[in-house]
Amino acid sequence: MRALAPGQLFIVGLLLKMAMTAAIAVAASMVVERSGPFGGAPDQVFVACASLALSA
C-alpha cells in the first residue's frame, strides 16, 4: 500500500473538514426548521461552536 504525498494528504483533510462542516450545517438547519425560530436559536450556538472546533 502506498502512502499519501503531503499535498494529497492536505487535500483529503480539507475535503473531510468541508464535508463535516456541511453535514453539521445541514443537520442544524433541519433541527431549526422543525423547532421554529425560538427553539432553534440555541441550536445555532451549537453550530458555531462545532464549526470553531473543526477549524482548530
PDB file of N, CA and C in Angstrom:
ATOM      1  N   MET A   1       0.836  -1.168   0.000  1.00  0.00           N
ATOM      2  CA  MET A   1       0.000   0.000   0.000  1.00  0.00           C
ATOM      3  C   MET A   1       0.889   1.242   0.000  1.00  0.00           C
ATOM      4  N   ARG A   2       0.456   2.261  -0.709  1.00  0.00           N
ATOM      5  CA  ARG A   2       1.233   3.475  -0.892  1.00  0.00           C
ATOM      6  C   ARG A   2       0.823   4.550   0.099  1.00  0.00           C
ATOM      7  N   ALA A   3       1.759   5.313   0.594  1.00  0.00           N
ATOM      8  CA  ALA A   3       1.466   6.437   1.483  1.00  0.00           C
ATOM      9  C   ALA A   3       1.087   7.658   0.644  1.00  0.00           C
ATOM     10  N   LEU A   4       0.278   8.536   1.221  1.00  0.00           N
ATOM     11  CA  LEU A   4      -0.118   9.745   0.509  1.00  0.00           C
ATOM     12  C   LEU A   4       0.990  10.791   0.568  1.00  0.00           C
ATOM     13  N   ALA A   5       1.131  11.509  -0.504  1.00  0.00           N
ATOM     14  CA  ALA A   5       2.082  12.623  -0.544  1.00  0.00           C
ATOM     15  C   ALA A   5       1.532  13.751   0.330  1.00  0.00           C
ATOM     16  N   PRO A   6       2.366  14.649   0.802  1.00  0.00           N
ATOM     17  CA  PRO A   6       1.892  15.740   1.670  1.00  0.00           C
ATOM     18  C   PRO A   6       0.792  16.589   1.023  1.00  0.00           C
ATOM     19  N   GLY A   7       0.898  16.844  -0.265  1.00  0.00           N
ATOM     20  CA  GLY A   7      -0.129  17.625  -0.964  1.00  0.00           C
ATOM     21  C   GLY A   7      -1.462  16.898  -0.996  1.00  0.00           C
ATOM     22  N   GLN A   8      -1.409  15.604  -1.245  1.00  0.00           N
ATOM     23  CA  GLN A   8      -2.638  14.806  -1.272  1.00  0.00           C
ATOM     24  C   GLN A   8      -3.255  14.704   0.114  1.00  0.00           C
ATOM     25  N   LEU A   9      -2.425  14.574   1.121  1.00  0.00           N
ATOM     26  CA  LEU A   9      -2.919  14.496   2.488  1.00  0.00           C
ATOM     27  C   LEU A   9      -3.621  15.791   2.882  1.00  0.00           C
ATOM     28  N   PHE A  10      -3.069  16.928   2.459  1.00  0.00           N
ATOM     29  CA  PHE A  10      -3.697  18.215   2.737  1.00  0.00           C
ATOM     30  C   PHE A  10      -5.065  18.301   2.077  1.00  0.00           C
ATOM     31  N   ILE A  11      -5.164  17.896   0.814  1.00  0.00           N
ATOM     32  CA  ILE A  11      -6.432  17.961   0.083  1.00  0.00           C
ATOM     33  C   ILE A  11      -7.469  17.046   0.712  1.00  0.00           C
ATOM     34  N   VAL A  12      -7.070  15.844   1.096  1.00  0.00           N
ATOM     35  CA  VAL A  12      -8.002  14.908   1.724  1.00  0.00           C
ATOM     36  C   VAL A  12      -8.503  15.466   3.057  1.00  0.00           C
ATOM     37  N   GLY A  13      -7.612  16.035   3.845  1.00  0.00           N
ATOM     38  CA  GLY A  13      -8.009  16.633   5.111  1.00  0.00           C
ATOM     39  C   GLY A  13      -8.949  17.808   4.915  1.00  0.00           C
ATOM     40  N   LEU A  14      -8.661  18.634   3.911  1.00  0.00           N
ATOM     41  CA  LEU A  14      -9.511  19.786   3.619  1.00  0.00           C
ATOM     42  C   LEU A  14     -10.901  19.337   3.174  1.00  0.00           C
ATOM     43  N   LEU A  15     -10.965  18.353   2.308  1.00  0.00           N
ATOM     44  CA  LEU A  15     -12.262  17.848   1.854  1.00  0.00           C
ATOM     45  C   LEU A  15     -13.058  17.228   3.001  1.00  0.00           C
ATOM     46  N   LEU A  16     -12.369  16.546   3.897  1.00  0.00           N
ATOM     47  CA  LEU A  16     -13.037  15.947   5.046  1.00  0.00           C
ATOM     48  C   LEU A  16     -13.614  17.017   5.964  1.00  0.00           C
ATOM     49  N   LYS A  17     -12.853  18.080   6.220  1.00  0.00           N
ATOM     50  CA  LYS A  17     -13.364  19.186   7.044  1.00  0.00           C
ATOM     51  C   LYS A  17     -14.554  19.869   6.388  1.00  0.00           C
ATOM     52  N   MET A  18     -14.491  20.038   5.069  1.00  0.00           N
ATOM     53  CA  MET A  18     -15.605  20.666   4.358  1.00  0.00           C
ATOM     54  C   MET A  18     -16.861  19.808   4.447  1.00  0.00           C
ATOM     55  N   ALA A  19     -16.717  18.509   4.302  1.00  0.00           N
ATOM     56  CA  ALA A  19     -17.860  17.618   4.373  1.00  0.00           C
ATOM     57  C   ALA A  19     -18.461  17.588   5.774  1.00  0.00           C
ATOM     58  N   MET A  20     -17.613  17.588   6.799  1.00  0.00           N
ATOM     59  CA  MET A  20     -18.115  17.584   8.176  1.00  0.00           C
ATOM     60  C   MET A  20     -18.826  18.888   8.505  1.00  0.00           C
ATOM     61  N   THR A  21     -18.289  20.014   8.060  1.00  0.00           N
ATOM     62  CA  THR A  21     -18.924  21.303   8.303  1.00  0.00           C
ATOM     63  C   THR A  21     -20.273  21.377   7.586  1.00  0.00           C
ATOM     64  N   ALA A  22     -20.336  20.898   6.366  1.00  0.00           N
ATOM     65  CA  ALA A  22     -21.600  20.895   5.625  1.00  0.00           C
ATOM     66  C   ALA A  22     -22.631  19.998   6.299  1.00  0.00           C
ATOM     67  N   ALA A  23     -22.204  18.856   6.806  1.00  0.00           N
ATOM     68  CA  ALA A  23     -23.127  17.951   7.486  1.00  0.00           C
ATOM     69  C   ALA A  23     -23.688  18.589   8.753  1.00  0.00           C
ATOM     70  N   ILE A  24     -22.847  19.293   9.502  1.00  0.00           N
ATOM     71  CA  ILE A  24     -23.317  19.960  10.713  1.00  0.00           C
ATOM     72  C   ILE A  24     -24.301  21.069  10.358  1.00  0.00           C
ATOM     73  N   ALA A  25     -24.002  21.845   9.327  1.00  0.00           N
ATOM     74  CA  ALA A  25     -24.881  22.943   8.929  1.00  0.00           C
ATOM     75  C   ALA A  25     -26.228  22.431   8.441  1.00  0.00           C
ATOM     76  N   VAL A  26     -26.239  21.366   7.665  1.00  0.00           N
ATOM     77  CA  VAL A  26     -27.496  20.802   7.168  1.00  0.00           C
ATOM     78  C   VAL A  26     -28.307  20.217   8.310  1.00  0.00           C
ATOM     79  N   ALA A  27     -27.664  19.498   9.208  1.00  0.00           N
ATOM     80  CA  ALA A  27     -28.385  18.918  10.353  1.00  0.00           C
ATOM     81  C   ALA A  27     -28.967  20.021  11.229  1.00  0.00           C
ATOM     82  N   ALA A  28     -28.215  21.080  11.462  1.00  0.00           N
ATOM     83  CA  ALA A  28     -28.713  22.179  12.294  1.00  0.00           C
ATOM     84  C   ALA A  28     -29.875  22.893  11.626  1.00  0.00           C
ATOM     85  N   SER A  29     -29.810  23.078  10.328  1.00  0.00           N
ATOM     86  CA  SER A  29     -30.910  23.748   9.640  1.00  0.00           C
ATOM     87  C   SER A  29     -32.178  22.902   9.671  1.00  0.00           C
ATOM     88  N   MET A  30     -32.026  21.584   9.627  1.00  0.00           N
ATOM     89  CA  MET A  30     -33.194  20.713   9.732  1.00  0.00           C
ATOM     90  C   MET A  30     -33.809  20.792  11.121  1.00  0.00           C
ATOM     91  N   VAL A  31     -32.970  20.859  12.148  1.00  0.00           N
ATOM     92  CA  VAL A  31     -33.474  20.961  13.523  1.00  0.00           C
ATOM     93  C   VAL A  31     -34.191  22.283  13.728  1.00  0.00           C
ATOM     94  N   VAL A  32     -33.596  23.372  13.235  1.00  0.00           N
ATOM     95  CA  VAL A  32     -34.207  24.686  13.398  1.00  0.00           C
ATOM     96  C   VAL A  32     -35.522  24.763  12.633  1.00  0.00           C
ATOM     97  N   GLU A  33     -35.573  24.146  11.468  1.00  0.00           N
ATOM     98  CA  GLU A  33     -36.804  24.150  10.685  1.00  0.00           C
ATOM     99  C   GLU A  33     -37.929  23.432  11.433  1.00  0.00           C
ATOM    100  N   ARG A  34     -37.589  22.368  12.117  1.00  0.00           N
ATOM    101  CA  ARG A  34     -38.599  21.614  12.871  1.00  0.00           C
ATOM    102  C   ARG A  34     -39.018  22.313  14.156  1.00  0.00           C
ATOM    103  N   SER A  35     -38.065  22.974  14.837  1.00  0.00           N
ATOM    104  CA  SER A  35     -38.354  23.505  16.169  1.00  0.00           C
ATOM    105  C   SER A  35     -38.844  24.944  16.153  1.00  0.00           C
ATOM    106  N   GLY A  36     -38.725  25.650  15.047  1.00  0.00           N
ATOM    107  CA  GLY A  36     -39.187  27.022  14.978  1.00  0.00           C
ATOM    108  C   GLY A  36     -38.097  28.005  15.372  1.00  0.00           C
ATOM    109  N   PRO A  37     -38.398  29.308  15.255  1.00  0.00           N
ATOM    110  CA  PRO A  37     -37.361  30.309  15.477  1.00  0.00           C
ATOM    111  C   PRO A  37     -36.894  30.421  16.919  1.00  0.00           C
ATOM    112  N   PHE A  38     -37.802  30.226  17.884  1.00  0.00           N
ATOM    113  CA  PHE A  38     -37.407  30.400  19.283  1.00  0.00           C
ATOM    114  C   PHE A  38     -36.706  29.165  19.823  1.00  0.00           C
ATOM    115  N   GLY A  39     -37.078  28.011  19.376  1.00  0.00           N
ATOM    116  CA  GLY A  39     -36.402  26.792  19.802  1.00  0.00           C
ATOM    117  C   GLY A  39     -35.096  26.569  19.070  1.00  0.00           C
ATOM    118  N   GLY A  40     -34.964  27.181  17.889  1.00  0.00           N
ATOM    119  CA  GLY A  40     -33.767  26.960  17.080  1.00  0.00           C
ATOM    120  C   GLY A  40     -32.613  27.871  17.408  1.00  0.00           C
ATOM    121  N   ALA A  41     -32.863  28.931  18.167  1.00  0.00           N
ATOM    122  CA  ALA A  41     -31.784  29.875  18.483  1.00  0.00           C
ATOM    123  C   ALA A  41     -30.639  29.217  19.260  1.00  0.00           C
ATOM    124  N   PRO A  42     -30.920  28.418  20.300  1.00  0.00           N
ATOM    125  CA  PRO A  42     -29.794  27.765  20.995  1.00  0.00           C
ATOM    126  C   PRO A  42     -29.037  26.771  20.109  1.00  0.00           C
ATOM    127  N   ASP A  43     -29.726  26.214  19.122  1.00  0.00           N
ATOM    128  CA  ASP A  43     -29.063  25.271  18.226  1.00  0.00           C
ATOM    129  C   ASP A  43     -28.010  25.963  17.368  1.00  0.00           C
ATOM    130  N   GLN A  44     -28.243  27.230  17.043  1.00  0.00           N
ATOM    131  CA  GLN A  44     -27.270  27.964  16.237  1.00  0.00           C
ATOM    132  C   GLN A  44     -25.977  28.184  17.011  1.00  0.00           C
ATOM    133  N   VAL A  45     -26.087  28.288  18.332  1.00  0.00           N
ATOM    134  CA  VAL A  45     -24.879  28.410  19.160  1.00  0.00           C
ATOM    135  C   VAL A  45     -24.058  27.121  19.050  1.00  0.00           C
ATOM    136  N   PHE A  46     -24.743  25.986  19.043  1.00  0.00           N
ATOM    137  CA  PHE A  46     -24.056  24.707  18.880  1.00  0.00           C
ATOM    138  C   PHE A  46     -23.323  24.644  17.538  1.00  0.00           C
ATOM    139  N   VAL A  47     -23.974  25.122  16.483  1.00  0.00           N
ATOM    140  CA  VAL A  47     -23.349  25.101  15.150  1.00  0.00           C
ATOM    141  C   VAL A  47     -22.093  25.961  15.142  1.00  0.00           C
ATOM    142  N   ALA A  48     -22.164  27.135  15.775  1.00  0.00           N
ATOM    143  CA  ALA A  48     -20.991  27.999  15.818  1.00  0.00           C
ATOM    144  C   ALA A  48     -19.858  27.342  16.588  1.00  0.00           C
ATOM    145  N   CYS A  49     -20.165  26.717  17.697  1.00  0.00           N
ATOM    146  CA  CYS A  49     -19.128  26.044  18.492  1.00  0.00           C
ATOM    147  C   CYS A  49     -18.536  24.849  17.746  1.00  0.00           C
ATOM    148  N   ALA A  50     -19.382  24.103  17.068  1.00  0.00           N
ATOM    149  CA  ALA A  50     -18.894  22.943  16.322  1.00  0.00           C
ATOM    150  C   ALA A  50     -18.004  23.385  15.163  1.00  0.00           C
ATOM    151  N   SER A  51     -18.370  24.481  14.498  1.00  0.00           N
ATOM    152  CA  SER A  51     -17.550  24.978  13.399  1.00  0.00           C
ATOM    153  C   SER A  51     -16.200  25.453  13.898  1.00  0.00           C
ATOM    154  N   LEU A  52     -16.191  26.103  15.053  1.00  0.00           N
ATOM    155  CA  LEU A  52     -14.920  26.541  15.631  1.00  0.00           C
ATOM    156  C   LEU A  52     -14.055  25.341  16.029  1.00  0.00           C
ATOM    157  N   ALA A  53     -14.687  24.296  16.540  1.00  0.00           N
ATOM    158  CA  ALA A  53     -13.934  23.111  16.947  1.00  0.00           C
ATOM    159  C   ALA A  53     -13.302  22.430  15.723  1.00  0.00           C
ATOM    160  N   LEU A  54     -14.011  22.444  14.601  1.00  0.00           N
ATOM    161  CA  LEU A  54     -13.456  21.817  13.391  1.00  0.00           C
ATOM    162  C   LEU A  54     -12.308  22.623  12.806  1.00  0.00           C
ATOM    163  N   SER A  55     -12.333  23.927  13.006  1.00  0.00           N
ATOM    164  CA  SER A  55     -11.276  24.749  12.423  1.00  0.00           C
ATOM    165  C   SER A  55      -9.983  24.686  13.228  1.00  0.00           C
ATOM    166  N   ALA A  56     -10.040  24.146  14.431  1.00  0.00           N
ATOM    167  CA  ALA A  56      -8.831  24.076  15.271  1.00  0.00           C
ATOM    168  C   ALA A  56      -7.918  22.956  14.839  1.00  0.00           C
TER     169      ALA A  56
END
